[in-house]
């Protein structure tokens, strides 16, 4: 069986970048959810909070995948 450790490292590194993007997007949405209710658009804030929950769930899945790849 060929050694795929370099491919696994590259894949894990790419996943790390995706995870950083997830966190940045989540932070941006969080800032908007603070601003929206103050400006009369609370219903949009509710939708933004739901999006943040999805990002958090997916971030955990990405983290798990990174850890598995780094162990191979």
PDB file of N, CA and C in Angstrom:
ATOM      1  N   UNK A   1       0.846  -1.173   0.000  1.00  0.00           N
ATOM      2  CA  UNK A   1       0.000   0.000   0.000  1.00  0.00           C
ATOM      3  C   UNK A   1       0.893   1.239   0.000  1.00  0.00           C
ATOM      4  N   UNK A   2       0.645   2.205  -0.881  1.00  0.00           N
ATOM      5  CA  UNK A   2       1.490   3.387  -0.945  1.00  0.00           C
ATOM      6  C   UNK A   2       1.313   4.269   0.287  1.00  0.00           C
ATOM      7  N   UNK A   3       2.394   4.987   0.608  1.00  0.00           N
ATOM      8  CA  UNK A   3       2.366   5.902   1.747  1.00  0.00           C
ATOM      9  C   UNK A   3       1.694   7.206   1.327  1.00  0.00           C
ATOM     10  N   UNK A   4       0.568   7.506   1.921  1.00  0.00           N
ATOM     11  CA  UNK A   4      -0.191   8.709   1.588  1.00  0.00           C
ATOM     12  C   UNK A   4      -0.015   9.801   2.630  1.00  0.00           C
ATOM     13  N   UNK A   5       1.058   9.734   3.444  1.00  0.00           N
ATOM     14  CA  UNK A   5       1.193  10.683   4.538  1.00  0.00           C
ATOM     15  C   UNK A   5       1.301  12.118   4.032  1.00  0.00           C
ATOM     16  N   UNK A   6       2.006  12.340   2.920  1.00  0.00           N
ATOM     17  CA  UNK A   6       2.108  13.705   2.381  1.00  0.00           C
ATOM     18  C   UNK A   6       0.745  14.205   1.907  1.00  0.00           C
ATOM     19  N   UNK A   7      -0.024  13.326   1.276  1.00  0.00           N
ATOM     20  CA  UNK A   7      -1.368  13.707   0.835  1.00  0.00           C
ATOM     21  C   UNK A   7      -2.264  13.979   2.040  1.00  0.00           C
ATOM     22  N   UNK A   8      -2.125  13.169   3.085  1.00  0.00           N
ATOM     23  CA  UNK A   8      -2.922  13.381   4.294  1.00  0.00           C
ATOM     24  C   UNK A   8      -2.574  14.707   4.955  1.00  0.00           C
ATOM     25  N   UNK A   9      -1.289  15.038   4.992  1.00  0.00           N
ATOM     26  CA  UNK A   9      -0.861  16.307   5.579  1.00  0.00           C
ATOM     27  C   UNK A   9      -1.408  17.472   4.774  1.00  0.00           C
ATOM     28  N   UNK A  10      -1.321  17.395   3.461  1.00  0.00           N
ATOM     29  CA  UNK A  10      -1.837  18.466   2.599  1.00  0.00           C
ATOM     30  C   UNK A  10      -3.342  18.611   2.763  1.00  0.00           C
ATOM     31  N   UNK A  11      -4.040  17.494   2.851  1.00  0.00           N
ATOM     32  CA  UNK A  11      -5.482  17.537   3.040  1.00  0.00           C
ATOM     33  C   UNK A  11      -5.833  18.126   4.399  1.00  0.00           C
ATOM     34  N   UNK A  12      -5.114  17.718   5.431  1.00  0.00           N
ATOM     35  CA  UNK A  12      -5.358  18.262   6.767  1.00  0.00           C
ATOM     36  C   UNK A  12      -5.079  19.759   6.797  1.00  0.00           C
ATOM     37  N   UNK A  13      -4.007  20.192   6.121  1.00  0.00           N
ATOM     38  CA  UNK A  13      -3.697  21.625   6.059  1.00  0.00           C
ATOM     39  C   UNK A  13      -4.816  22.401   5.363  1.00  0.00           C
ATOM     40  N   UNK A  14      -5.353  21.836   4.282  1.00  0.00           N
ATOM     41  CA  UNK A  14      -6.463  22.490   3.578  1.00  0.00           C
ATOM     42  C   UNK A  14      -7.701  22.556   4.477  1.00  0.00           C
ATOM     43  N   UNK A  15      -7.948  21.501   5.215  1.00  0.00           N
ATOM     44  CA  UNK A  15      -9.071  21.501   6.156  1.00  0.00           C
ATOM     45  C   UNK A  15      -8.860  22.556   7.246  1.00  0.00           C
ATOM     46  N   UNK A  16      -7.622  22.725   7.687  1.00  0.00           N
ATOM     47  CA  UNK A  16      -7.340  23.760   8.679  1.00  0.00           C
ATOM     48  C   UNK A  16      -7.712  25.140   8.153  1.00  0.00           C
ATOM     49  N   UNK A  17      -7.385  25.402   6.910  1.00  0.00           N
ATOM     50  CA  UNK A  17      -7.739  26.690   6.306  1.00  0.00           C
ATOM     51  C   UNK A  17      -9.259  26.856   6.230  1.00  0.00           C
ATOM     52  N   UNK A  18      -9.949  25.787   5.859  1.00  0.00           N
ATOM     53  CA  UNK A  18     -11.415  25.838   5.834  1.00  0.00           C
ATOM     54  C   UNK A  18     -11.976  26.108   7.228  1.00  0.00           C
ATOM     55  N   UNK A  19     -11.377  25.497   8.229  1.00  0.00           N
ATOM     56  CA  UNK A  19     -11.832  25.711   9.594  1.00  0.00           C
ATOM     57  C   UNK A  19     -11.631  27.166  10.017  1.00  0.00           C
ATOM     58  N   UNK A  20     -10.490  27.740   9.651  1.00  0.00           N
ATOM     59  CA  UNK A  20     -10.244  29.158   9.951  1.00  0.00           C
ATOM     60  C   UNK A  20     -11.294  30.037   9.265  1.00  0.00           C
ATOM     61  N   UNK A  21     -11.642  29.684   8.033  1.00  0.00           N
ATOM     62  CA  UNK A  21     -12.695  30.425   7.323  1.00  0.00           C
ATOM     63  C   UNK A  21     -14.033  30.296   8.053  1.00  0.00           C
ATOM     64  N   UNK A  22     -14.340  29.090   8.531  1.00  0.00           N
ATOM     65  CA  UNK A  22     -15.581  28.876   9.278  1.00  0.00           C
ATOM     66  C   UNK A  22     -15.642  29.820  10.484  1.00  0.00           C
ATOM     67  N   UNK A  23     -14.524  29.901  11.204  1.00  0.00           N
ATOM     68  CA  UNK A  23     -14.492  30.756  12.395  1.00  0.00           C
ATOM     69  C   UNK A  23     -14.630  32.234  12.021  1.00  0.00           C
ATOM     70  N   UNK A  24     -13.999  32.640  10.943  1.00  0.00           N
ATOM     71  CA  UNK A  24     -14.090  34.041  10.507  1.00  0.00           C
ATOM     72  C   UNK A  24     -15.514  34.388  10.085  1.00  0.00           C
ATOM     73  N   UNK A  25     -16.144  33.502   9.340  1.00  0.00           N
ATOM     74  CA  UNK A  25     -17.532  33.734   8.913  1.00  0.00           C
ATOM     75  C   UNK A  25     -18.445  33.790  10.133  1.00  0.00           C
ATOM     76  N   UNK A  26     -18.240  32.892  11.066  1.00  0.00           N
ATOM     77  CA  UNK A  26     -19.050  32.877  12.271  1.00  0.00           C
ATOM     78  C   UNK A  26     -18.883  34.174  13.065  1.00  0.00           C
ATOM     79  N   UNK A  27     -17.661  34.660  13.172  1.00  0.00           N
ATOM     80  CA  UNK A  27     -17.420  35.919  13.888  1.00  0.00           C
ATOM     81  C   UNK A  27     -18.117  37.085  13.201  1.00  0.00           C
ATOM     82  N   UNK A  28     -18.083  37.106  11.884  1.00  0.00           N
ATOM     83  CA  UNK A  28     -18.746  38.179  11.140  1.00  0.00           C
ATOM     84  C   UNK A  28     -20.259  38.127  11.349  1.00  0.00           C
ATOM     85  N   UNK A  29     -20.830  36.928  11.297  1.00  0.00           N
ATOM     86  CA  UNK A  29     -22.271  36.788  11.508  1.00  0.00           C
ATOM     87  C   UNK A  29     -22.629  37.186  12.938  1.00  0.00           C
ATOM     88  N   UNK A  30     -21.789  36.824  13.883  1.00  0.00           N
ATOM     89  CA  UNK A  30     -22.052  37.190  15.275  1.00  0.00           C
ATOM     90  C   UNK A  30     -22.102  38.712  15.443  1.00  0.00           C
ATOM     91  N   UNK A  31     -21.188  39.408  14.800  1.00  0.00           N
ATOM     92  CA  UNK A  31     -21.199  40.870  14.857  1.00  0.00           C
ATOM     93  C   UNK A  31     -22.495  41.432  14.273  1.00  0.00           C
ATOM     94  N   UNK A  32     -22.936  40.850  13.177  1.00  0.00           N
ATOM     95  CA  UNK A  32     -24.188  41.310  12.564  1.00  0.00           C
ATOM     96  C   UNK A  32     -25.385  41.040  13.467  1.00  0.00           C
ATOM     97  N   UNK A  33     -25.381  39.895  14.161  1.00  0.00           N
ATOM     98  CA  UNK A  33     -26.519  39.584  15.025  1.00  0.00           C
ATOM     99  C   UNK A  33     -26.610  40.549  16.196  1.00  0.00           C
ATOM    100  N   UNK A  34     -25.504  41.141  16.579  1.00  0.00           N
ATOM    101  CA  UNK A  34     -25.530  42.157  17.628  1.00  0.00           C
ATOM    102  C   UNK A  34     -26.097  43.475  17.091  1.00  0.00           C
ATOM    103  N   UNK A  35     -25.781  43.794  15.857  1.00  0.00           N
ATOM    104  CA  UNK A  35     -26.188  45.064  15.256  1.00  0.00           C
ATOM    105  C   UNK A  35     -27.642  45.052  14.792  1.00  0.00           C
ATOM    106  N   UNK A  36     -28.095  43.935  14.257  1.00  0.00           N
ATOM    107  CA  UNK A  36     -29.419  43.862  13.649  1.00  0.00           C
ATOM    108  C   UNK A  36     -30.571  44.211  14.592  1.00  0.00           C
ATOM    109  N   UNK A  37     -30.661  43.616  15.783  1.00  0.00           N
ATOM    110  CA  UNK A  37     -31.789  43.946  16.651  1.00  0.00           C
ATOM    111  C   UNK A  37     -31.793  45.422  17.078  1.00  0.00           C
ATOM    112  N   UNK A  38     -30.621  45.985  17.197  1.00  0.00           N
ATOM    113  CA  UNK A  38     -30.520  47.401  17.570  1.00  0.00           C
ATOM    114  C   UNK A  38     -31.059  48.314  16.474  1.00  0.00           C
ATOM    115  N   UNK A  39     -31.179  47.789  15.269  1.00  0.00           N
ATOM    116  CA  UNK A  39     -31.619  48.577  14.126  1.00  0.00           C
ATOM    117  C   UNK A  39     -32.947  48.088  13.549  1.00  0.00           C
ATOM    118  N   UNK A  40     -33.724  47.399  14.397  1.00  0.00           N
ATOM    119  CA  UNK A  40     -35.077  47.052  14.019  1.00  0.00           C
ATOM    120  C   UNK A  40     -35.261  45.869  13.094  1.00  0.00           C
ATOM    121  N   UNK A  41     -34.287  45.027  12.976  1.00  0.00           N
ATOM    122  CA  UNK A  41     -34.437  43.855  12.103  1.00  0.00           C
ATOM    123  C   UNK A  41     -34.093  42.573  12.881  1.00  0.00           C
ATOM    124  N   UNK A  42     -34.809  42.398  13.975  1.00  0.00           N
ATOM    125  CA  UNK A  42     -34.579  41.245  14.837  1.00  0.00           C
ATOM    126  C   UNK A  42     -34.828  39.913  14.168  1.00  0.00           C
ATOM    127  N   UNK A  43     -35.783  39.862  13.223  1.00  0.00           N
ATOM    128  CA  UNK A  43     -36.064  38.586  12.550  1.00  0.00           C
ATOM    129  C   UNK A  43     -34.871  38.121  11.725  1.00  0.00           C
ATOM    130  N   UNK A  44     -34.144  39.064  11.163  1.00  0.00           N
ATOM    131  CA  UNK A  44     -32.936  38.709  10.406  1.00  0.00           C
ATOM    132  C   UNK A  44     -31.876  38.177  11.365  1.00  0.00           C
ATOM    133  N   UNK A  45     -31.796  38.757  12.539  1.00  0.00           N
ATOM    134  CA  UNK A  45     -30.843  38.293  13.548  1.00  0.00           C
ATOM    135  C   UNK A  45     -31.115  36.843  13.924  1.00  0.00           C
ATOM    136  N   UNK A  46     -32.383  36.484  14.024  1.00  0.00           N
ATOM    137  CA  UNK A  46     -32.750  35.100  14.345  1.00  0.00           C
ATOM    138  C   UNK A  46     -32.230  34.145  13.269  1.00  0.00           C
ATOM    139  N   UNK A  47     -32.382  34.523  12.029  1.00  0.00           N
ATOM    140  CA  UNK A  47     -31.872  33.690  10.928  1.00  0.00           C
ATOM    141  C   UNK A  47     -30.351  33.610  10.969  1.00  0.00           C
ATOM    142  N   UNK A  48     -29.703  34.707  11.310  1.00  0.00           N
ATOM    143  CA  UNK A  48     -28.237  34.718  11.387  1.00  0.00           C
ATOM    144  C   UNK A  48     -27.747  33.796  12.494  1.00  0.00           C
ATOM    145  N   UNK A  49     -28.466  33.770  13.601  1.00  0.00           N
ATOM    146  CA  UNK A  49     -28.093  32.879  14.704  1.00  0.00           C
ATOM    147  C   UNK A  49     -28.207  31.423  14.270  1.00  0.00           C
ATOM    148  N   UNK A  50     -29.230  31.100  13.501  1.00  0.00           N
ATOM    149  CA  UNK A  50     -29.380  29.734  12.982  1.00  0.00           C
ATOM    150  C   UNK A  50     -28.207  29.383  12.066  1.00  0.00           C
ATOM    151  N   UNK A  51     -27.767  30.343  11.262  1.00  0.00           N
ATOM    152  CA  UNK A  51     -26.614  30.105  10.384  1.00  0.00           C
ATOM    153  C   UNK A  51     -25.360  29.855  11.207  1.00  0.00           C
ATOM    154  N   UNK A  52     -25.207  30.598  12.299  1.00  0.00           N
ATOM    155  CA  UNK A  52     -24.043  30.394  13.163  1.00  0.00           C
ATOM    156  C   UNK A  52     -24.041  28.998  13.780  1.00  0.00           C
ATOM    157  N   UNK A  53     -25.214  28.507  14.139  1.00  0.00           N
ATOM    158  CA  UNK A  53     -25.303  27.152  14.698  1.00  0.00           C
ATOM    159  C   UNK A  53     -24.858  26.117  13.678  1.00  0.00           C
ATOM    160  N   UNK A  54     -25.230  26.310  12.421  1.00  0.00           N
ATOM    161  CA  UNK A  54     -24.792  25.398  11.363  1.00  0.00           C
ATOM    162  C   UNK A  54     -23.285  25.460  11.182  1.00  0.00           C
ATOM    163  N   UNK A  55     -22.736  26.668  11.188  1.00  0.00           N
ATOM    164  CA  UNK A  55     -21.283  26.822  11.071  1.00  0.00           C
ATOM    165  C   UNK A  55     -20.563  26.103  12.206  1.00  0.00           C
ATOM    166  N   UNK A  56     -21.081  26.228  13.409  1.00  0.00           N
ATOM    167  CA  UNK A  56     -20.453  25.584  14.562  1.00  0.00           C
ATOM    168  C   UNK A  56     -20.489  24.063  14.429  1.00  0.00           C
ATOM    169  N   UNK A  57     -21.624  23.530  14.005  1.00  0.00           N
ATOM    170  CA  UNK A  57     -21.735  22.085  13.797  1.00  0.00           C
ATOM    171  C   UNK A  57     -20.735  21.615  12.749  1.00  0.00           C
ATOM    172  N   UNK A  58     -20.667  22.327  11.641  1.00  0.00           N
ATOM    173  CA  UNK A  58     -19.743  21.951  10.570  1.00  0.00           C
ATOM    174  C   UNK A  58     -18.293  22.127  10.998  1.00  0.00           C
ATOM    175  N   UNK A  59     -18.004  23.143  11.798  1.00  0.00           N
ATOM    176  CA  UNK A  59     -16.641  23.348  12.279  1.00  0.00           C
ATOM    177  C   UNK A  59     -16.182  22.148  13.105  1.00  0.00           C
ATOM    178  N   UNK A  60     -17.090  21.603  13.897  1.00  0.00           N
ATOM    179  CA  UNK A  60     -16.723  20.429  14.688  1.00  0.00           C
ATOM    180  C   UNK A  60     -16.427  19.237  13.779  1.00  0.00           C
ATOM    181  N   UNK A  61     -17.212  19.054  12.736  1.00  0.00           N
ATOM    182  CA  UNK A  61     -16.945  17.973  11.786  1.00  0.00           C
ATOM    183  C   UNK A  61     -15.615  18.143  11.071  1.00  0.00           C
ATOM    184  N   UNK A  62     -15.287  19.361  10.710  1.00  0.00           N
ATOM    185  CA  UNK A  62     -14.002  19.633  10.056  1.00  0.00           C
ATOM    186  C   UNK A  62     -12.866  19.347  11.027  1.00  0.00           C
ATOM    187  N   UNK A  63     -13.021  19.768  12.272  1.00  0.00           N
ATOM    188  CA  UNK A  63     -11.989  19.513  13.282  1.00  0.00           C
ATOM    189  C   UNK A  63     -11.764  18.012  13.448  1.00  0.00           C
ATOM    190  N   UNK A  64     -12.833  17.254  13.522  1.00  0.00           N
ATOM    191  CA  UNK A  64     -12.716  15.800  13.655  1.00  0.00           C
ATOM    192  C   UNK A  64     -11.980  15.193  12.466  1.00  0.00           C
ATOM    193  N   UNK A  65     -12.302  15.672  11.257  1.00  0.00           N
ATOM    194  CA  UNK A  65     -11.632  15.160  10.054  1.00  0.00           C
ATOM    195  C   UNK A  65     -10.151  15.487  10.068  1.00  0.00           C
ATOM    196  N   UNK A  66      -9.803  16.686  10.502  1.00  0.00           N
ATOM    197  CA  UNK A  66      -8.393  17.077  10.580  1.00  0.00           C
ATOM    198  C   UNK A  66      -7.653  16.152  11.535  1.00  0.00           C
ATOM    199  N   UNK A  67      -8.248  15.902  12.682  1.00  0.00           N
ATOM    200  CA  UNK A  67      -7.590  15.039  13.664  1.00  0.00           C
ATOM    201  C   UNK A  67      -7.390  13.627  13.122  1.00  0.00           C
ATOM    202  N   UNK A  68      -8.388  13.101  12.417  1.00  0.00           N
ATOM    203  CA  UNK A  68      -8.238  11.761  11.829  1.00  0.00           C
ATOM    204  C   UNK A  68      -7.134  11.740  10.786  1.00  0.00           C
ATOM    205  N   UNK A  69      -7.083  12.769   9.925  1.00  0.00           N
ATOM    206  CA  UNK A  69      -6.056  12.814   8.896  1.00  0.00           C
ATOM    207  C   UNK A  69      -4.656  12.918   9.499  1.00  0.00           C
ATOM    208  N   UNK A  70      -4.511  13.677  10.535  1.00  0.00           N
ATOM    209  CA  UNK A  70      -3.193  13.852  11.160  1.00  0.00           C
ATOM    210  C   UNK A  70      -2.720  12.592  11.870  1.00  0.00           C
ATOM    211  N   UNK A  71      -3.646  11.696  12.181  1.00  0.00           N
ATOM    212  CA  UNK A  71      -3.265  10.436  12.849  1.00  0.00           C
ATOM    213  C   UNK A  71      -2.872   9.352  11.868  1.00  0.00           C
ATOM    214  N   UNK A  72      -3.190   9.538  10.590  1.00  0.00           N
ATOM    215  CA  UNK A  72      -2.878   8.501   9.585  1.00  0.00           C
ATOM    216  C   UNK A  72      -1.419   8.508   9.228  1.00  0.00           C
TER     217      UNK A  72
END
